[in-house]
Amino acid sequence: MKHIHVYALLLMSVFLISCGQNKTGLPQANIKSEINDIGPNIMVRNLKKGRNGAILIAGPNNSSFGDVFRYDGKSFTNLTNKIGPHRFWDVLEDRRGNMWFATTDSGVYYYNNSAPLGAGVKSIQHFTTKEGLANNRVMSVYEDKAGMIWFGTGSGISRFDGKSFQNFTIPNAPRVYNDGKWNNDVNTVVEDKTGKLWVGTRGAAFVYDGKKFTALTHNGEPFIDVWSIIEDKKGNIWLSGFNGFKVSQTGGLWRYDGSTFTKVSERGANTIVEDKKGNIWTTGSVNPANPTVQALSRYAANSLDGKPMVTELKSGKAFYGLLEANDGSIWFGDATGVYRYDGKTITDFYNKADQKKYIIDTKQSVVVWKGSMVFGGWEGTKFLGDGSNTGDVDILKGELLIENSRLMSGAVEVDMKTIENFVDQRSLNQLPAFFDVKKFPVAAFAITKVETGNGGNAKVPNDGSIRVNDGNVKVTGNLTIEGITKAVTFPAKMQFKDGMDGIVEMNGALIIDRTDWGIDYSSEKHFDKSGDGIISDEVKLFMKIVAKKVKR
């Protein structure tokens, strides 16, 4: 009876339902919207060029995990979904076509170009502190002219020569938080034309000549918390010091000509790019006193020697990654996805017109399973029950798309490794393994169709929310477990609160036959071979999904 209880627990846990300087007279960009459901949907931290004009996009896709995407001019491809959930922060495609994925929780993952992307986990190498990396928190990855790969980590810089790592510790600099430890939390690394390395950290900024690190200072004060450094076509170095709660004289956007630092703007810069025409583009804070107000800004090339002419093309709460593509378009990322500016139009690659995106709150959402044995247990004439048991499973991330106050589509992913949280290991050791969580770490459910009750009509309450009467919503979608995808349908109750607090709630119940996914141990279908320990093929899943609207 105990072993059957454990099996039911193991089976069910894996199923998921499964402004500062303002515009300067240049025209405001028109906004065009497109949608691509598999593209990045929340935070875009870094944008890099790949081979053949591809755009590489890295960043957390929710509060805990992230992904890396490639855009080939037509569609997005998730490059890291086979690796499993990690906080992917940066990406590099090196000169040999190999891919490097930097994470802030698990070191670096490396795809060898000899094995095609997506071919499977055999083509992946994983570098951590065990292999010599300075720290498993990696914020940046960079290839120098000699083909060396540099990593900015939480404990200094690591250089990889193809065989081993060499680590560099950055010395303390004066007047940095009264604590030099932040100097080894590295944000960015870039090589100039002379072969020197420029390093931005959460502490000070440094230049490394191959022998020693020298702190960058202006009037004796260091540049603090530098996230981006570039060298322009003329050989000038651009960087941005900290703009925020503690305003310093080195805050803002700066240019260094080799002897003199010149402040170009009070605006901060999370990322800096020079385009083909010599314009400087930045993403970051607009006002040094308020880092929560940010924008995509352009500094006109013909104004950089005097008072700069700044155009603010899009504003919001958080802007990070920035890149000029081969065709001259500007790509940038914010807290809700990725955009492209072609000189006239800003294209949003995720949010569709009249469609609102809601991100599932994984802390307030839950999936609960219920399973049982076919035969009950008895003690004399006393019925002990049918071994029914319930438990929950962790949701990694998910979203719902709402159009005209109706659910249109959505998706959710579940961490298969959370099985371990619910299993009695002593009993498990006596049982065969059910799931290959290393090969299939994530299960998924994608909505393909939603039918509403009341003839498709929904009444609009006076409080501004939309509620579907009687809960008559029928949801159909594809449930994927261990590479097997099956269509399922279940009823749900929906409550929309657009006019109140931007929250959508969905309660549903789904009944599935576990054997449809190849889970047939002690199945009813094998009664003659299973003895008396028969586990019901029917599994019931109860869902409470809470999703919050993404604010733009």
Protein backbone atom coordinates (compact mmCIF):
# COMPACT_ATOMS: atom_id res chain seq x y z
CA MET A 1 0.00 0.00 0.00
CA LYS A 2 2.89 2.36 0.83
CA HIS A 3 4.60 1.70 -2.50
CA ILE A 4 1.41 2.37 -4.43
CA HIS A 5 1.03 5.65 -2.54
CA VAL A 6 4.55 6.64 -3.60
CA TYR A 7 3.89 5.72 -7.23
CA ALA A 8 0.73 7.77 -7.39
CA LEU A 9 2.61 10.66 -5.87
CA LEU A 10 5.42 10.35 -8.41
CA LEU A 11 3.06 10.08 -11.36
CA MET A 12 0.81 12.96 -10.59
CA SER A 13 3.48 15.47 -9.67
CA VAL A 14 4.78 15.68 -13.21
CA PHE A 15 1.51 16.49 -14.94
CA LEU A 16 0.68 20.11 -15.49
CA ILE A 17 -2.59 20.91 -16.63
CA SER A 18 0.77 20.92 -16.91
CA CYS A 19 12.80 62.68 -18.44
CA GLY A 20 15.75 64.85 -18.22
CA GLN A 21 16.69 65.83 -21.80
CA ASN A 22 13.52 65.64 -23.82
CA LYS A 23 12.85 65.11 -27.53
CA THR A 24 14.65 67.63 -29.68
CA GLY A 25 12.17 68.29 -32.46
CA LEU A 26 12.74 65.04 -34.37
CA PRO A 27 9.53 63.19 -35.24
CA GLN A 28 8.13 60.69 -32.77
CA ALA A 29 8.45 57.12 -34.02
CA ASN A 30 5.23 55.40 -35.01
CA ILE A 31 4.51 52.17 -33.18
CA LYS A 32 3.76 48.99 -35.07
CA SER A 33 2.92 45.74 -33.31
CA GLU A 34 3.63 42.17 -34.28
CA ILE A 35 3.45 39.00 -32.25
CA ASN A 36 5.61 35.90 -32.04
CA ASP A 37 4.60 33.62 -29.21
CA ILE A 38 7.97 31.87 -28.90
CA GLY A 39 10.02 35.04 -28.66
CA PRO A 40 11.28 36.57 -25.40
CA ASN A 41 8.43 37.82 -23.31
CA ILE A 42 9.82 39.69 -20.32
CA MET A 43 13.34 40.92 -19.63
CA VAL A 44 15.91 41.28 -22.44
CA ARG A 45 19.31 41.78 -20.80
CA ASN A 46 21.69 41.47 -23.75
CA LEU A 47 21.54 41.57 -27.55
CA LYS A 48 24.43 40.28 -29.66
CA LYS A 49 25.14 39.68 -33.33
CA GLY A 50 25.28 36.11 -34.53
CA ARG A 51 26.47 34.74 -37.83
CA ASN A 52 24.59 35.43 -41.09
CA GLY A 53 22.95 38.52 -39.62
CA ALA A 54 21.18 36.67 -36.82
CA ILE A 55 20.15 38.49 -33.63
CA LEU A 56 20.92 36.74 -30.33
CA ILE A 57 18.76 37.67 -27.34
CA ALA A 58 19.45 36.74 -23.71
CA GLY A 59 17.65 37.48 -20.48
CA PRO A 60 15.35 36.26 -17.73
CA ASN A 61 11.89 35.31 -18.96
CA ASN A 62 10.42 35.60 -15.47
CA SER A 63 11.62 36.47 -11.99
CA SER A 64 13.59 33.24 -11.67
CA PHE A 65 14.65 31.88 -15.04
CA GLY A 66 15.63 32.92 -18.53
CA ASP A 67 16.27 31.85 -22.11
CA VAL A 68 18.44 32.66 -25.11
CA PHE A 69 16.78 33.20 -28.49
CA ARG A 70 18.00 33.55 -32.07
CA TYR A 71 16.10 35.64 -34.61
CA ASP A 72 16.97 34.78 -38.22
CA GLY A 73 14.89 37.50 -39.88
CA LYS A 74 11.72 35.43 -39.94
CA SER A 75 11.20 33.68 -36.61
CA PHE A 76 12.59 33.17 -33.11
CA THR A 77 14.25 29.94 -31.95
CA ASN A 78 14.81 29.15 -28.28
CA LEU A 79 18.42 27.94 -28.06
CA THR A 80 18.46 26.95 -24.40
CA ASN A 81 15.19 25.14 -23.75
CA LYS A 82 16.97 21.76 -23.79
CA ILE A 83 19.43 22.89 -21.11
CA GLY A 84 16.77 23.52 -18.49
CA PRO A 85 15.77 26.53 -16.37
CA HIS A 86 18.60 28.93 -15.53
CA ARG A 87 19.13 32.69 -15.33
CA PHE A 88 20.67 33.16 -18.78
CA TRP A 89 22.16 36.65 -18.86
CA ASP A 90 24.49 36.95 -21.87
CA VAL A 91 25.31 35.13 -25.09
CA LEU A 92 28.16 34.93 -27.60
CA GLU A 93 28.59 33.20 -30.95
CA ASP A 94 32.36 33.03 -31.39
CA ARG A 95 34.34 33.18 -34.65
CA ARG A 96 34.14 29.40 -35.02
CA GLY A 97 30.38 29.43 -34.69
CA ASN A 98 30.34 27.97 -31.19
CA MET A 99 27.73 29.31 -28.78
CA TRP A 100 28.40 30.47 -25.22
CA PHE A 101 25.50 30.95 -22.81
CA ALA A 102 26.33 32.83 -19.59
CA THR A 103 24.14 32.37 -16.52
CA THR A 104 24.09 34.02 -13.13
CA ASP A 105 23.28 30.79 -11.30
CA SER A 106 25.10 27.98 -13.09
CA GLY A 107 28.26 29.16 -14.80
CA VAL A 108 28.56 28.87 -18.60
CA TYR A 109 27.08 26.47 -21.13
CA TYR A 110 28.94 25.82 -24.39
CA TYR A 111 27.50 24.49 -27.66
CA ASN A 112 30.11 22.98 -29.97
CA ASN A 113 29.44 24.00 -33.57
CA SER A 114 30.18 20.45 -34.76
CA ALA A 115 26.80 19.41 -33.32
CA PRO A 116 23.78 21.39 -34.60
CA LEU A 117 21.87 23.51 -32.10
CA GLY A 118 18.85 21.69 -30.79
CA ALA A 119 20.37 18.27 -31.57
CA GLY A 120 20.38 17.36 -27.89
CA VAL A 121 22.31 17.65 -24.67
CA LYS A 122 25.30 15.66 -25.97
CA SER A 123 26.56 18.76 -27.81
CA ILE A 124 26.69 20.82 -24.60
CA GLN A 125 29.60 21.37 -22.23
CA HIS A 126 29.04 22.94 -18.83
CA PHE A 127 31.77 25.07 -17.25
CA THR A 128 31.57 25.93 -13.55
CA THR A 129 34.01 26.57 -10.71
CA LYS A 130 34.80 22.84 -10.81
CA GLU A 131 36.33 23.36 -14.25
CA GLY A 132 38.19 26.49 -13.11
CA LEU A 133 35.70 29.31 -13.71
CA ALA A 134 36.17 32.05 -11.10
CA ASN A 135 32.49 32.13 -10.10
CA ASN A 136 29.24 30.57 -11.30
CA ARG A 137 27.67 34.03 -11.49
CA VAL A 138 28.57 35.17 -15.02
CA MET A 139 27.29 38.54 -16.24
CA SER A 140 29.16 38.88 -19.53
CA VAL A 141 31.02 36.87 -22.17
CA TYR A 142 33.41 38.39 -24.74
CA GLU A 143 35.83 37.16 -27.44
CA ASP A 144 39.04 39.14 -28.00
CA LYS A 145 41.06 39.54 -31.22
CA ALA A 146 43.18 36.48 -30.41
CA GLY A 147 40.11 34.28 -29.97
CA MET A 148 40.34 34.12 -26.18
CA ILE A 149 36.98 34.01 -24.39
CA TRP A 150 36.61 36.32 -21.38
CA PHE A 151 33.95 36.00 -18.69
CA GLY A 152 32.90 38.71 -16.26
CA THR A 153 31.98 36.84 -13.07
CA GLY A 154 31.04 37.56 -9.48
CA SER A 155 34.65 36.91 -8.41
CA GLY A 156 36.68 38.70 -11.07
CA ILE A 157 37.51 37.84 -14.69
CA SER A 158 38.07 34.41 -16.20
CA ARG A 159 39.89 33.85 -19.51
CA PHE A 160 39.45 30.60 -21.43
CA ASP A 161 42.06 29.60 -24.04
CA GLY A 162 40.21 26.53 -25.29
CA LYS A 163 41.74 24.21 -22.70
CA SER A 164 41.76 25.87 -19.29
CA PHE A 165 40.77 28.95 -17.33
CA GLN A 166 43.00 31.70 -15.99
CA ASN A 167 41.42 33.98 -13.39
CA PHE A 168 42.17 37.61 -12.62
CA THR A 169 41.32 39.40 -9.37
CA ILE A 170 40.78 43.14 -9.62
CA PRO A 171 42.41 45.27 -6.90
CA ASN A 172 40.61 47.67 -4.63
CA ALA A 173 40.11 51.21 -5.85
CA PRO A 174 39.71 54.32 -3.66
CA ARG A 175 36.35 55.51 -2.40
CA VAL A 176 34.21 52.65 -3.64
CA TYR A 177 31.52 51.87 -1.06
CA ASN A 178 34.35 51.66 1.49
CA ASP A 179 34.51 48.03 0.37
CA GLY A 180 36.49 46.81 -2.63
CA LYS A 181 34.65 43.48 -2.98
CA TRP A 182 32.30 44.92 -5.60
CA ASN A 183 35.28 45.46 -7.92
CA ASN A 184 35.24 41.73 -8.63
CA ASP A 185 31.56 41.62 -9.53
CA VAL A 186 32.13 42.27 -13.24
CA ASN A 187 29.40 43.67 -15.51
CA THR A 188 31.25 44.07 -18.82
CA VAL A 189 34.58 43.41 -20.55
CA VAL A 190 35.69 44.91 -23.90
CA GLU A 191 39.00 45.07 -25.78
CA ASP A 192 40.16 48.28 -27.53
CA LYS A 193 42.18 48.62 -30.74
CA THR A 194 45.47 48.53 -28.81
CA GLY A 195 44.64 45.25 -27.03
CA LYS A 196 43.82 46.78 -23.63
CA LEU A 197 40.82 45.47 -21.73
CA TRP A 198 38.24 47.86 -20.29
CA VAL A 199 36.29 46.45 -17.37
CA GLY A 200 33.09 47.72 -15.75
CA THR A 201 32.14 46.36 -12.34
CA ARG A 202 29.59 46.98 -9.62
CA GLY A 203 32.41 48.80 -7.90
CA ALA A 204 34.84 50.83 -10.00
CA ALA A 205 35.85 50.71 -13.68
CA PHE A 206 39.34 49.62 -14.77
CA VAL A 207 41.65 49.29 -17.73
CA TYR A 208 43.92 46.22 -17.94
CA ASP A 209 47.13 46.43 -20.01
CA GLY A 210 48.06 42.78 -19.65
CA LYS A 211 50.06 43.39 -16.47
CA LYS A 212 48.00 45.48 -14.09
CA PHE A 213 44.55 46.97 -13.52
CA THR A 214 44.28 50.76 -13.33
CA ALA A 215 41.14 52.37 -11.92
CA LEU A 216 39.41 55.01 -14.06
CA THR A 217 38.86 58.20 -12.08
CA HIS A 218 37.77 61.77 -12.74
CA ASN A 219 38.93 64.39 -10.26
CA GLY A 220 39.86 61.56 -7.93
CA GLU A 221 36.43 59.93 -8.03
CA PRO A 222 35.89 56.51 -9.64
CA PHE A 223 33.16 55.60 -12.09
CA ILE A 224 30.85 53.39 -10.08
CA ASP A 225 28.64 50.53 -11.28
CA VAL A 226 29.55 50.68 -14.98
CA TRP A 227 27.42 48.36 -17.11
CA SER A 228 28.58 49.27 -20.60
CA ILE A 229 31.86 50.37 -22.21
CA ILE A 230 32.50 50.79 -25.96
CA GLU A 231 35.23 52.15 -28.22
CA ASP A 232 33.96 54.33 -31.06
CA LYS A 233 35.37 54.61 -34.59
CA LYS A 234 37.68 57.47 -33.54
CA GLY A 235 39.15 55.45 -30.66
CA ASN A 236 37.23 57.25 -27.90
CA ILE A 237 36.02 55.20 -24.95
CA TRP A 238 32.39 55.66 -23.85
CA LEU A 239 31.08 54.59 -20.46
CA SER A 240 28.34 55.44 -18.02
CA GLY A 241 28.75 55.81 -14.27
CA PHE A 242 26.07 55.13 -11.69
CA ASN A 243 22.95 57.29 -11.88
CA GLY A 244 20.54 56.57 -9.09
CA PHE A 245 19.84 56.88 -5.42
CA LYS A 246 23.32 58.19 -4.67
CA VAL A 247 24.17 60.78 -7.32
CA SER A 248 27.91 61.22 -7.85
CA GLN A 249 29.93 63.57 -10.01
CA THR A 250 30.89 60.64 -12.24
CA GLY A 251 27.28 59.65 -12.89
CA GLY A 252 25.97 59.97 -16.43
CA LEU A 253 27.36 59.33 -19.91
CA TRP A 254 31.08 60.02 -20.45
CA ARG A 255 33.60 60.05 -23.32
CA TYR A 256 37.34 59.48 -22.83
CA ASP A 257 39.81 60.51 -25.56
CA GLY A 258 42.86 58.95 -23.94
CA SER A 259 43.68 61.90 -21.71
CA THR A 260 40.46 63.70 -20.74
CA PHE A 261 37.02 62.59 -19.56
CA THR A 262 34.12 64.67 -20.94
CA LYS A 263 30.61 64.38 -19.57
CA VAL A 264 28.22 64.12 -22.53
CA SER A 265 24.97 63.76 -20.62
CA GLU A 266 23.47 63.36 -17.17
CA ARG A 267 21.51 60.43 -18.54
CA GLY A 268 22.72 57.01 -17.53
CA ALA A 269 23.33 54.10 -19.87
CA ASN A 270 22.78 50.43 -19.23
CA THR A 271 24.04 49.81 -22.78
CA ILE A 272 25.91 52.00 -25.30
CA VAL A 273 26.15 51.47 -29.09
CA GLU A 274 27.65 53.50 -31.94
CA ASP A 275 25.80 53.06 -35.24
CA LYS A 276 27.24 53.17 -38.77
CA LYS A 277 26.54 56.90 -39.04
CA GLY A 278 28.41 57.71 -35.82
CA ASN A 279 25.30 58.30 -33.69
CA ILE A 280 25.52 57.10 -30.09
CA TRP A 281 22.56 55.11 -28.77
CA THR A 282 21.87 54.30 -25.13
CA THR A 283 19.34 52.52 -22.99
CA GLY A 284 19.04 53.60 -19.38
CA SER A 285 17.89 56.21 -16.90
CA VAL A 286 16.66 59.62 -18.03
CA ASN A 287 17.11 61.45 -14.73
CA PRO A 288 20.02 60.75 -12.33
CA ALA A 289 17.65 61.19 -9.39
CA ASN A 290 15.13 58.62 -10.63
CA PRO A 291 16.55 55.42 -12.21
CA THR A 292 13.04 53.96 -12.62
CA VAL A 293 12.36 56.34 -15.55
CA GLN A 294 14.32 55.00 -18.51
CA ALA A 295 14.43 55.39 -22.28
CA LEU A 296 15.98 54.50 -25.60
CA SER A 297 17.99 57.62 -26.54
CA ARG A 298 19.98 58.69 -29.60
CA TYR A 299 22.80 61.26 -29.56
CA ALA A 300 23.25 62.81 -33.02
CA ALA A 301 26.76 62.31 -34.43
CA ASN A 302 27.09 65.92 -35.64
CA SER A 303 26.38 67.29 -32.17
CA LEU A 304 28.78 65.24 -30.04
CA ASP A 305 31.54 67.87 -30.00
CA GLY A 306 29.23 70.45 -28.48
CA LYS A 307 25.86 70.34 -26.76
CA PRO A 308 24.48 66.96 -27.80
CA MET A 309 21.15 66.73 -29.58
CA VAL A 310 19.23 63.90 -27.95
CA THR A 311 16.16 62.12 -29.28
CA GLU A 312 14.16 59.97 -26.89
CA LEU A 313 12.53 57.30 -29.03
CA LYS A 314 10.76 55.22 -26.40
CA SER A 315 10.38 55.57 -22.65
CA GLY A 316 9.45 53.15 -19.90
CA LYS A 317 10.60 51.66 -16.61
CA ALA A 318 13.46 49.41 -17.74
CA PHE A 319 15.60 49.29 -20.91
CA TYR A 320 18.68 47.07 -21.21
CA GLY A 321 19.99 45.24 -24.30
CA LEU A 322 20.89 47.31 -27.40
CA LEU A 323 22.31 46.46 -30.84
CA GLU A 324 22.65 47.75 -34.39
CA ALA A 325 21.81 44.95 -36.84
CA ASN A 326 23.56 44.44 -40.17
CA ASP A 327 20.76 46.25 -41.99
CA GLY A 328 21.19 49.36 -39.80
CA SER A 329 18.09 48.79 -37.70
CA ILE A 330 18.34 49.30 -33.94
CA TRP A 331 17.25 46.45 -31.69
CA PHE A 332 16.59 47.06 -28.01
CA GLY A 333 15.09 45.23 -25.07
CA ASP A 334 12.99 46.25 -22.13
CA ALA A 335 11.21 44.51 -19.27
CA THR A 336 8.55 43.10 -21.62
CA GLY A 337 10.40 41.88 -24.70
CA VAL A 338 12.41 42.92 -27.73
CA TYR A 339 11.89 45.73 -30.28
CA ARG A 340 13.31 46.85 -33.64
CA TYR A 341 13.55 50.45 -34.87
CA ASP A 342 14.09 50.85 -38.63
CA GLY A 343 14.27 54.66 -38.68
CA LYS A 344 10.52 55.13 -39.00
CA THR A 345 8.76 52.38 -37.10
CA ILE A 346 9.24 50.59 -33.79
CA THR A 347 8.19 46.97 -34.13
CA ASP A 348 7.19 45.12 -30.98
CA PHE A 349 7.80 41.44 -31.60
CA TYR A 350 5.55 40.21 -28.88
CA ASN A 351 2.57 42.33 -27.91
CA LYS A 352 -0.27 42.26 -30.43
CA ALA A 353 -2.56 45.25 -30.90
CA ASP A 354 -5.64 44.98 -28.68
CA GLN A 355 -4.03 42.01 -26.97
CA LYS A 356 -2.87 42.15 -23.36
CA LYS A 357 -0.18 39.89 -21.98
CA TYR A 358 -0.52 38.47 -18.48
CA ILE A 359 2.42 36.75 -16.82
CA ILE A 360 1.61 33.87 -14.49
CA ASP A 361 2.57 34.56 -10.88
CA THR A 362 4.27 31.30 -9.97
CA LYS A 363 4.00 32.00 -6.23
CA GLN A 364 0.22 32.47 -6.29
CA SER A 365 -0.51 29.78 -8.87
CA VAL A 366 -0.67 26.08 -8.16
CA VAL A 367 -1.40 22.78 -9.89
CA VAL A 368 -2.69 20.02 -7.61
CA TRP A 369 -2.99 16.39 -8.73
CA LYS A 370 -5.16 13.62 -7.36
CA GLY A 371 -4.62 9.92 -7.99
CA SER A 372 -5.78 6.64 -6.48
CA MET A 373 -5.56 2.84 -6.54
CA VAL A 374 -8.15 0.76 -8.37
CA PHE A 375 -8.79 -1.53 -5.44
CA GLY A 376 -9.45 -0.24 -1.98
CA GLY A 377 -7.84 -1.40 1.23
CA TRP A 378 -9.79 -3.31 3.87
CA GLU A 379 -9.39 -4.30 7.48
CA GLY A 380 -12.07 -6.86 8.03
CA THR A 381 -15.27 -5.12 7.01
CA LYS A 382 -13.74 -1.67 7.52
CA PHE A 383 -12.90 0.16 4.27
CA LEU A 384 -9.54 1.89 4.61
CA GLY A 385 -9.83 3.90 1.40
CA ASP A 386 -8.58 3.71 -2.16
CA GLY A 387 -5.15 5.16 -1.55
CA SER A 388 -6.16 8.56 -2.90
CA ASN A 389 -3.48 11.16 -2.57
CA THR A 390 -2.86 14.74 -3.68
CA GLY A 391 0.17 16.94 -4.14
CA ASP A 392 1.36 19.94 -6.12
CA VAL A 393 3.97 20.63 -8.78
CA ASP A 394 6.16 23.69 -9.39
CA ILE A 395 5.33 26.02 -12.28
CA LEU A 396 8.45 27.51 -13.91
CA LYS A 397 6.78 30.22 -15.95
CA GLY A 398 3.78 30.95 -18.11
CA GLU A 399 1.54 33.56 -19.64
CA LEU A 400 -1.95 34.23 -20.92
CA LEU A 401 -2.87 36.41 -23.90
CA ILE A 402 -6.14 38.33 -23.67
CA GLU A 403 -7.82 40.06 -26.60
CA ASN A 404 -10.97 42.15 -26.19
CA SER A 405 -11.37 40.77 -22.66
CA ARG A 406 -11.26 37.15 -23.81
CA LEU A 407 -8.63 34.49 -23.28
CA MET A 408 -7.04 33.79 -26.67
CA SER A 409 -4.00 31.67 -25.93
CA GLY A 410 -1.34 30.95 -23.36
CA ALA A 411 1.38 28.60 -22.26
CA VAL A 412 2.88 27.21 -19.07
CA GLU A 413 6.03 25.23 -18.26
CA VAL A 414 6.62 22.93 -15.28
CA ASP A 415 9.90 21.88 -13.67
CA MET A 416 9.99 18.08 -13.91
CA LYS A 417 12.80 17.96 -11.35
CA THR A 418 10.34 18.97 -8.63
CA ILE A 419 9.31 15.33 -8.57
CA GLU A 420 12.11 14.87 -6.08
CA ASN A 421 10.35 17.17 -3.64
CA PHE A 422 7.47 14.73 -3.24
CA VAL A 423 9.04 11.28 -3.30
CA ASP A 424 9.98 9.09 -0.34
CA GLN A 425 13.54 8.30 -1.45
CA ARG A 426 13.72 5.08 0.58
CA SER A 427 10.76 3.69 -1.33
CA LEU A 428 11.93 5.16 -4.62
CA ASN A 429 15.18 3.20 -4.45
CA GLN A 430 13.13 0.02 -4.72
CA LEU A 431 11.24 1.18 -7.81
CA PRO A 432 12.26 1.70 -11.47
CA ALA A 433 12.80 5.24 -12.72
CA PHE A 434 9.70 6.71 -14.40
CA PHE A 435 11.02 9.87 -16.00
CA ASP A 436 14.27 11.00 -17.60
CA VAL A 437 14.37 14.46 -16.02
CA LYS A 438 17.87 15.12 -17.33
CA LYS A 439 16.75 14.69 -20.93
CA PHE A 440 13.28 16.17 -20.44
CA PRO A 441 13.57 18.68 -17.57
CA VAL A 442 10.48 20.67 -18.58
CA ALA A 443 6.88 19.68 -19.34
CA ALA A 444 4.64 22.12 -21.17
CA PHE A 445 1.03 23.01 -21.91
CA ALA A 446 0.04 25.38 -24.72
CA ILE A 447 -3.51 26.63 -25.24
CA THR A 448 -4.75 26.22 -28.82
CA LYS A 449 -8.46 27.04 -28.46
CA VAL A 450 -10.80 28.65 -25.95
CA GLU A 451 -14.61 28.41 -26.13
CA THR A 452 -16.78 30.60 -23.92
CA GLY A 453 -20.25 29.85 -22.60
CA ASN A 454 -23.45 31.84 -23.05
CA GLY A 455 -23.18 31.70 -26.81
CA GLY A 456 -19.75 33.30 -26.68
CA ASN A 457 -21.04 36.38 -24.87
CA ALA A 458 -19.78 37.77 -21.59
CA LYS A 459 -21.52 40.37 -19.46
CA VAL A 460 -19.62 43.47 -18.37
CA PRO A 461 -20.04 44.29 -14.66
CA ASN A 462 -20.17 47.89 -13.44
CA ASP A 463 -16.78 47.63 -11.73
CA GLY A 464 -14.96 47.51 -15.06
CA SER A 465 -14.00 43.85 -14.83
CA ILE A 466 -15.01 41.11 -17.24
CA ARG A 467 -16.37 37.87 -15.83
CA VAL A 468 -17.49 34.82 -17.74
CA ASN A 469 -20.81 33.71 -16.26
CA ASP A 470 -21.14 30.18 -14.86
CA GLY A 471 -17.48 29.42 -15.55
CA ASN A 472 -18.41 28.00 -18.95
CA VAL A 473 -14.99 28.27 -20.56
CA LYS A 474 -13.66 25.22 -22.37
CA VAL A 475 -9.89 25.22 -22.86
CA THR A 476 -8.15 23.01 -25.41
CA GLY A 477 -4.40 22.71 -25.71
CA ASN A 478 -1.36 20.51 -26.23
CA LEU A 479 0.15 18.78 -23.19
CA THR A 480 3.78 17.64 -23.66
CA ILE A 481 5.54 15.26 -21.30
CA GLU A 482 8.84 13.49 -22.13
CA GLY A 483 8.55 14.45 -25.78
CA ILE A 484 5.00 13.11 -26.19
CA THR A 485 2.33 15.69 -27.07
CA LYS A 486 -1.40 15.04 -26.76
CA ALA A 487 -4.38 17.36 -27.11
CA VAL A 488 -6.51 17.78 -23.97
CA THR A 489 -9.67 19.74 -23.13
CA PHE A 490 -10.97 20.85 -19.77
CA PRO A 491 -13.54 23.27 -18.26
CA ALA A 492 -12.43 26.36 -16.35
CA LYS A 493 -13.75 29.43 -14.60
CA MET A 494 -12.25 32.74 -15.65
CA GLN A 495 -12.30 36.07 -13.85
CA PHE A 496 -10.83 39.15 -15.52
CA LYS A 497 -10.05 42.26 -13.49
CA ASP A 498 -8.63 44.58 -16.13
CA GLY A 499 -10.39 47.62 -14.76
CA MET A 500 -9.32 46.94 -11.19
CA ASP A 501 -5.84 45.59 -10.57
CA GLY A 502 -4.68 43.94 -13.77
CA ILE A 503 -5.10 40.36 -12.54
CA VAL A 504 -6.66 37.34 -14.23
CA GLU A 505 -7.64 34.23 -12.30
CA MET A 506 -8.46 30.84 -13.77
CA ASN A 507 -9.66 27.76 -11.91
CA GLY A 508 -9.91 24.53 -13.86
CA ALA A 509 -9.98 20.76 -13.60
CA LEU A 510 -8.51 18.29 -16.10
CA ILE A 511 -8.84 14.50 -16.18
CA ILE A 512 -6.25 12.59 -18.19
CA ASP A 513 -5.32 9.00 -18.93
CA ARG A 514 -1.69 8.68 -17.90
CA THR A 515 -1.05 5.83 -20.32
CA ASP A 516 -1.52 8.23 -23.26
CA TRP A 517 1.94 9.56 -22.33
CA GLY A 518 3.47 6.10 -21.94
CA ILE A 519 3.09 6.03 -18.15
CA ASP A 520 1.69 2.50 -17.81
CA TYR A 521 3.29 1.02 -14.69
CA SER A 522 0.67 -0.93 -12.69
CA SER A 523 -1.92 0.22 -15.21
CA GLU A 524 -5.49 -1.07 -15.33
CA LYS A 525 -4.71 -2.07 -18.90
CA HIS A 526 -2.14 -4.58 -17.60
CA PHE A 527 -4.29 -6.06 -14.83
CA ASP A 528 -3.21 -9.61 -15.46
CA LYS A 529 0.47 -8.69 -15.09
CA SER A 530 0.28 -6.23 -12.23
CA GLY A 531 -0.97 -8.27 -9.33
CA ASP A 532 -3.13 -6.49 -6.80
CA GLY A 533 -1.26 -3.16 -6.78
CA ILE A 534 -3.21 -1.54 -9.61
CA ILE A 535 -2.96 2.25 -9.93
CA SER A 536 -5.85 4.02 -11.63
CA ASP A 537 -5.06 5.29 -15.12
CA GLU A 538 -7.23 8.33 -14.42
CA VAL A 539 -5.47 11.34 -12.99
CA LYS A 540 -7.29 14.53 -12.03
CA LEU A 541 -5.55 17.88 -12.02
CA PHE A 542 -6.89 20.98 -10.27
CA MET A 543 -5.50 24.38 -11.28
CA LYS A 544 -5.51 27.84 -9.83
CA ILE A 545 -3.72 30.22 -12.17
CA VAL A 546 -3.10 33.84 -11.18
CA ALA A 547 -1.64 36.05 -13.90
CA LYS A 548 -0.72 39.73 -13.77
CA LYS A 549 -0.92 42.12 -16.69
CA VAL A 550 2.37 43.37 -18.08
CA LYS A 551 2.43 47.15 -17.82
CA ARG A 552 4.00 49.08 -20.70
